[in-house]
Amino acid sequence: MLMNLSKNRHKTTSKEEWEKTWEGMGYGLTPLYTTLMEMKEATFKTKPDDFSIPNHYALLAFEAGKRVAYQEIIDMLPKGAKM
């Protein structure tokens, strides 16, 4: 995931300089990491009653997609943010 971010860095910044700066932002991004983890966990809200509706598979797929999207964003955060 870091490669995806690295290819979109500012043109005047070298890859090494950008990676050093990104990893240095970990402390400041910790609240974002915590919030994303809470949002990801909140997607586990399927109730037994949800299976009484005909489109419950769509609901499950939607929730699974949200969890995957949150995880992809979490994976892009610097290691220092994941404390």
C-alpha atoms as a PDB file:
ATOM      1  CA  MET A   1       0.000   0.000   0.000  1.00  0.00           C
ATOM      2  CA  LEU A   2       2.886   2.342   0.671  1.00  0.00           C
ATOM      3  CA  MET A   3       3.798   2.047  -3.009  1.00  0.00           C
ATOM      4  CA  ASN A   4       0.371   3.435  -3.979  1.00  0.00           C
ATOM      5  CA  LEU A   5       0.967   6.466  -1.790  1.00  0.00           C
ATOM      6  CA  SER A   6       4.572   6.828  -2.883  1.00  0.00           C
ATOM      7  CA  LYS A   7       3.727   7.061  -6.574  1.00  0.00           C
ATOM      8  CA  ASN A   8       1.458  10.030  -5.809  1.00  0.00           C
ATOM      9  CA  ARG A   9       3.980  11.959  -3.690  1.00  0.00           C
ATOM     10  CA  HIS A  10       4.885  15.554  -4.496  1.00  0.00           C
ATOM     11  CA  LYS A  11       7.088  15.692  -7.595  1.00  0.00           C
ATOM     12  CA  THR A  12       9.875  17.640  -5.858  1.00  0.00           C
ATOM     13  CA  THR A  13      10.280  15.022  -3.115  1.00  0.00           C
ATOM     14  CA  SER A  14      12.468  11.947  -3.494  1.00  0.00           C
ATOM     15  CA  LYS A  15      11.002   8.556  -2.636  1.00  0.00           C
ATOM     16  CA  GLU A  16      13.343   8.112   0.336  1.00  0.00           C
ATOM     17  CA  GLU A  17      12.617  11.583   1.694  1.00  0.00           C
ATOM     18  CA  TRP A  18       8.883  11.050   1.299  1.00  0.00           C
ATOM     19  CA  GLU A  19       8.942   7.665   3.078  1.00  0.00           C
ATOM     20  CA  LYS A  20      10.894   9.174   5.975  1.00  0.00           C
ATOM     21  CA  THR A  21       8.386  12.036   6.247  1.00  0.00           C
ATOM     22  CA  TRP A  22       5.407   9.660   6.020  1.00  0.00           C
ATOM     23  CA  GLU A  23       6.731   7.401   8.785  1.00  0.00           C
ATOM     24  CA  GLY A  24       7.423  10.476  10.905  1.00  0.00           C
ATOM     25  CA  MET A  25       3.737  11.448  10.774  1.00  0.00           C
ATOM     26  CA  GLY A  26       2.680   8.318  12.648  1.00  0.00           C
ATOM     27  CA  TYR A  27       2.085  10.014  15.991  1.00  0.00           C
ATOM     28  CA  GLY A  28      -0.191  12.625  14.448  1.00  0.00           C
ATOM     29  CA  LEU A  29      -2.197  10.011  12.558  1.00  0.00           C
ATOM     30  CA  THR A  30      -2.894   7.828  15.601  1.00  0.00           C
ATOM     31  CA  PRO A  31      -6.357   9.398  16.137  1.00  0.00           C
ATOM     32  CA  LEU A  32      -7.216   8.636  12.509  1.00  0.00           C
ATOM     33  CA  TYR A  33      -6.115   5.025  12.976  1.00  0.00           C
ATOM     34  CA  THR A  34      -8.195   4.672  16.136  1.00  0.00           C
ATOM     35  CA  THR A  35     -11.252   6.198  14.461  1.00  0.00           C
ATOM     36  CA  LEU A  36     -10.937   3.931  11.411  1.00  0.00           C
ATOM     37  CA  MET A  37     -10.653   0.869  13.627  1.00  0.00           C
ATOM     38  CA  GLU A  38     -13.810   1.912  15.505  1.00  0.00           C
ATOM     39  CA  MET A  39     -15.670   2.486  12.236  1.00  0.00           C
ATOM     40  CA  LYS A  40     -14.517  -0.877  10.903  1.00  0.00           C
ATOM     41  CA  GLU A  41     -15.722  -2.659  14.040  1.00  0.00           C
ATOM     42  CA  ALA A  42     -19.059  -0.821  13.876  1.00  0.00           C
ATOM     43  CA  THR A  43     -19.813  -2.475  10.530  1.00  0.00           C
ATOM     44  CA  PHE A  44     -20.407  -5.783  12.364  1.00  0.00           C
ATOM     45  CA  LYS A  45     -24.005  -4.889  13.037  1.00  0.00           C
ATOM     46  CA  THR A  46     -25.954  -7.536  11.152  1.00  0.00           C
ATOM     47  CA  LYS A  47     -28.797  -8.777  13.316  1.00  0.00           C
ATOM     48  CA  PRO A  48     -30.741 -12.045  13.035  1.00  0.00           C
ATOM     49  CA  ASP A  49     -33.781 -10.035  11.909  1.00  0.00           C
ATOM     50  CA  ASP A  50     -31.832  -8.874   8.854  1.00  0.00           C
ATOM     51  CA  PHE A  51     -32.060 -12.390   7.445  1.00  0.00           C
ATOM     52  CA  SER A  52     -35.842 -12.151   7.205  1.00  0.00           C
ATOM     53  CA  ILE A  53     -35.543  -9.697   4.307  1.00  0.00           C
ATOM     54  CA  PRO A  54     -34.931 -10.927   0.771  1.00  0.00           C
ATOM     55  CA  ASN A  55     -31.822  -8.811   0.177  1.00  0.00           C
ATOM     56  CA  HIS A  56     -29.833  -9.904   3.228  1.00  0.00           C
ATOM     57  CA  TYR A  57     -26.998 -11.084   0.973  1.00  0.00           C
ATOM     58  CA  ALA A  58     -26.683  -7.549  -0.390  1.00  0.00           C
ATOM     59  CA  LEU A  59     -26.482  -6.246   3.179  1.00  0.00           C
ATOM     60  CA  LEU A  60     -23.761  -8.745   4.073  1.00  0.00           C
ATOM     61  CA  ALA A  61     -21.795  -7.896   0.913  1.00  0.00           C
ATOM     62  CA  PHE A  62     -22.108  -4.181   1.634  1.00  0.00           C
ATOM     63  CA  GLU A  63     -20.827  -4.581   5.189  1.00  0.00           C
ATOM     64  CA  ALA A  64     -17.963  -6.815   4.032  1.00  0.00           C
ATOM     65  CA  GLY A  65     -16.996  -4.243   1.406  1.00  0.00           C
ATOM     66  CA  LYS A  66     -16.910  -1.472   3.994  1.00  0.00           C
ATOM     67  CA  ARG A  67     -14.654  -3.540   6.251  1.00  0.00           C
ATOM     68  CA  VAL A  68     -12.268  -4.217   3.382  1.00  0.00           C
ATOM     69  CA  ALA A  69     -12.173  -0.530   2.424  1.00  0.00           C
ATOM     70  CA  TYR A  70     -11.443   0.503   6.013  1.00  0.00           C
ATOM     71  CA  GLN A  71      -8.668  -2.096   6.215  1.00  0.00           C
ATOM     72  CA  GLU A  72      -7.085  -0.863   2.978  1.00  0.00           C
ATOM     73  CA  ILE A  73      -6.952   2.670   4.372  1.00  0.00           C
ATOM     74  CA  ILE A  74      -5.595   1.411   7.707  1.00  0.00           C
ATOM     75  CA  ASP A  75      -2.865  -0.505   5.864  1.00  0.00           C
ATOM     76  CA  MET A  76      -1.691   2.723   4.212  1.00  0.00           C
ATOM     77  CA  LEU A  77      -1.120   4.501   7.526  1.00  0.00           C
ATOM     78  CA  PRO A  78       2.441   4.683   8.858  1.00  0.00           C
ATOM     79  CA  LYS A  79       3.514   2.061  11.396  1.00  0.00           C
ATOM     80  CA  GLY A  80       3.814   4.709  14.109  1.00  0.00           C
ATOM     81  CA  ALA A  81       0.086   5.462  13.880  1.00  0.00           C
ATOM     82  CA  LYS A  82      -0.854   1.880  14.761  1.00  0.00           C
ATOM     83  CA  MET A  83      -0.199   1.951  18.494  1.00  0.00           C
END
